[in-house]
C-alpha atoms as a PDB file:
ATOM      1  CA  MET A   1       0.000   0.000   0.000  1.00  0.00           C
ATOM      2  CA  MET A   2       1.124   3.553  -0.655  1.00  0.00           C
ATOM      3  CA  GLN A   3       2.803   5.382   2.182  1.00  0.00           C
ATOM      4  CA  SER A   4       1.915   8.875   0.944  1.00  0.00           C
ATOM      5  CA  CYS A   5       0.602  10.813  -2.041  1.00  0.00           C
ATOM      6  CA  SER A   6       3.348  11.284  -4.601  1.00  0.00           C
ATOM      7  CA  PHE A   7       1.855  14.653  -5.566  1.00  0.00           C
ATOM      8  CA  CYS A   8       1.321  16.433  -2.218  1.00  0.00           C
ATOM      9  CA  LYS A   9       3.015  13.945   0.184  1.00  0.00           C
ATOM     10  CA  ASN A  10      -0.100  13.675   2.399  1.00  0.00           C
ATOM     11  CA  LYS A  11      -0.246  10.352   4.228  1.00  0.00           C
ATOM     12  CA  ASN A  12      -4.043   9.942   4.184  1.00  0.00           C
ATOM     13  CA  ILE A  13      -4.783   7.685   1.206  1.00  0.00           C
ATOM     14  CA  LYS A  14      -8.115   5.866   1.057  1.00  0.00           C
ATOM     15  CA  ASN A  15      -9.603   3.036  -0.981  1.00  0.00           C
ATOM     16  CA  THR A  16     -12.556   4.314  -2.973  1.00  0.00           C
ATOM     17  CA  LYS A  17     -14.436   3.999  -6.252  1.00  0.00           C
ATOM     18  CA  VAL A  18     -14.293   6.833  -8.756  1.00  0.00           C
ATOM     19  CA  GLU A  19     -15.362   7.854 -12.233  1.00  0.00           C
ATOM     20  CA  TYR A  20     -12.683   7.381 -14.903  1.00  0.00           C
ATOM     21  CA  THR A  21     -12.746   8.866 -18.408  1.00  0.00           C
ATOM     22  CA  TYR A  22     -10.754   6.933 -20.990  1.00  0.00           C
ATOM     23  CA  LYS A  23      -9.754   8.762 -24.191  1.00  0.00           C
ATOM     24  CA  HIS A  24      -8.141   7.339 -27.310  1.00  0.00           C
ATOM     25  CA  ASP A  25      -8.036   8.807 -30.838  1.00  0.00           C
ATOM     26  CA  GLY A  26     -10.666  11.425 -29.996  1.00  0.00           C
ATOM     27  CA  LYS A  27     -13.110   8.844 -28.632  1.00  0.00           C
ATOM     28  CA  TYR A  28     -14.178   8.767 -24.999  1.00  0.00           C
ATOM     29  CA  MET A  29     -15.644   6.212 -22.635  1.00  0.00           C
ATOM     30  CA  ILE A  30     -16.694   6.905 -19.061  1.00  0.00           C
ATOM     31  CA  PHE A  31     -16.405   4.188 -16.433  1.00  0.00           C
ATOM     32  CA  HIS A  32     -18.241   4.422 -13.110  1.00  0.00           C
ATOM     33  CA  ASN A  33     -17.238   2.705  -9.849  1.00  0.00           C
ATOM     34  CA  VAL A  34     -13.583   2.166 -10.753  1.00  0.00           C
ATOM     35  CA  PRO A  35     -11.501   1.006  -7.764  1.00  0.00           C
ATOM     36  CA  ALA A  36      -8.736   3.453  -6.864  1.00  0.00           C
ATOM     37  CA  LEU A  37      -6.632   4.873  -4.104  1.00  0.00           C
ATOM     38  CA  GLN A  38      -7.314   8.572  -3.561  1.00  0.00           C
ATOM     39  CA  CYS A  39      -5.492  11.194  -1.524  1.00  0.00           C
ATOM     40  CA  GLU A  40      -7.875  12.693   1.009  1.00  0.00           C
ATOM     41  CA  TYR A  41      -6.080  16.053   0.807  1.00  0.00           C
ATOM     42  CA  CYS A  42      -5.491  16.836  -2.890  1.00  0.00           C
ATOM     43  CA  GLY A  43      -7.726  14.214  -4.537  1.00  0.00           C
ATOM     44  CA  GLU A  44      -4.974  12.626  -6.652  1.00  0.00           C
ATOM     45  CA  LYS A  45      -6.067   9.146  -7.804  1.00  0.00           C
ATOM     46  CA  TYR A  46      -3.988   5.996  -8.227  1.00  0.00           C
ATOM     47  CA  PHE A  47      -5.046   2.903 -10.170  1.00  0.00           C
ATOM     48  CA  GLU A  48      -3.686  -0.631 -10.300  1.00  0.00           C
ATOM     49  CA  ALA A  49      -2.282  -1.641 -13.691  1.00  0.00           C
ATOM     50  CA  LYS A  50      -4.778  -4.527 -13.961  1.00  0.00           C
ATOM     51  CA  VAL A  51      -7.676  -2.054 -13.580  1.00  0.00           C
ATOM     52  CA  LEU A  52      -6.346   0.197 -16.347  1.00  0.00           C
ATOM     53  CA  LYS A  53      -5.727  -2.805 -18.611  1.00  0.00           C
ATOM     54  CA  GLN A  54      -9.329  -3.950 -18.095  1.00  0.00           C
ATOM     55  CA  ILE A  55     -10.591  -0.448 -18.961  1.00  0.00           C
ATOM     56  CA  GLU A  56      -8.532  -0.435 -22.166  1.00  0.00           C
ATOM     57  CA  LYS A  57      -9.759  -3.929 -23.074  1.00  0.00           C
ATOM     58  CA  GLU A  58     -13.395  -2.883 -22.577  1.00  0.00           C
ATOM     59  CA  PHE A  59     -12.887   0.289 -24.640  1.00  0.00           C
ATOM     60  CA  ILE A  60     -11.497  -1.770 -27.525  1.00  0.00           C
ATOM     61  CA  SER A  61     -14.441  -4.193 -27.288  1.00  0.00           C
ATOM     62  CA  VAL A  62     -16.902  -1.318 -27.551  1.00  0.00           C
ATOM     63  CA  GLN A  63     -15.036   0.149 -30.528  1.00  0.00           C
ATOM     64  CA  LEU A  64     -15.318  -3.258 -32.204  1.00  0.00           C
ATOM     65  CA  GLY A  65     -19.099  -3.255 -31.761  1.00  0.00           C
ATOM     66  CA  LYS A  66     -19.913  -4.419 -28.228  1.00  0.00           C
ATOM     67  CA  LYS A  67     -23.019  -2.665 -26.909  1.00  0.00           C
ATOM     68  CA  THR A  68     -22.906  -0.755 -23.624  1.00  0.00           C
ATOM     69  CA  PRO A  69     -25.825  -0.325 -21.204  1.00  0.00           C
ATOM     70  CA  LYS A  70     -25.786   3.468 -21.579  1.00  0.00           C
ATOM     71  CA  GLU A  71     -24.754   6.004 -24.200  1.00  0.00           C
ATOM     72  CA  ARG A  72     -24.881   9.768 -23.910  1.00  0.00           C
ATOM     73  CA  SER A  73     -24.128  12.634 -26.246  1.00  0.00           C
ATOM     74  CA  VAL A  74     -21.706  15.272 -24.980  1.00  0.00           C
ATOM     75  CA  ALA A  75     -21.496  18.921 -25.968  1.00  0.00           C
ATOM     76  CA  VAL A  76     -18.069  20.005 -27.264  1.00  0.00           C
ATOM     77  CA  GLU A  77     -16.857  23.604 -27.361  1.00  0.00           C
ATOM     78  CA  ASP A  78     -13.546  25.191 -28.392  1.00  0.00           C
ATOM     79  CA  PHE A  79     -12.599  27.593 -25.572  1.00  0.00           C
ATOM     80  CA  ASP A  80     -10.438  29.761 -27.873  1.00  0.00           C
ATOM     81  CA  LYS A  81     -13.538  30.657 -29.890  1.00  0.00           C
ATOM     82  CA  LEU A  82     -15.384  31.705 -26.714  1.00  0.00           C
ATOM     83  CA  VAL A  83     -12.829  34.326 -25.705  1.00  0.00           C
ATOM     84  CA  ALA A  84     -12.051  35.722 -29.181  1.00  0.00           C
END
């Protein structure tokens, strides 16, 4: 188990489940209830390699045609065009 957060050095790290957004080639997939360690001070999240490999495997399956229980459309905006 981690001794402290590698970002802020806080020693309070907890087991939790979080939302994780996977992005590859401009395509996104959101995963809910992903197991992680999270710093209670700064919020930095840490994932086991096997968890990230499973996420990547599932993303590839969906890209190859596997159906997911939910799909949502997401609005996309270019910030540079907002402030011009």
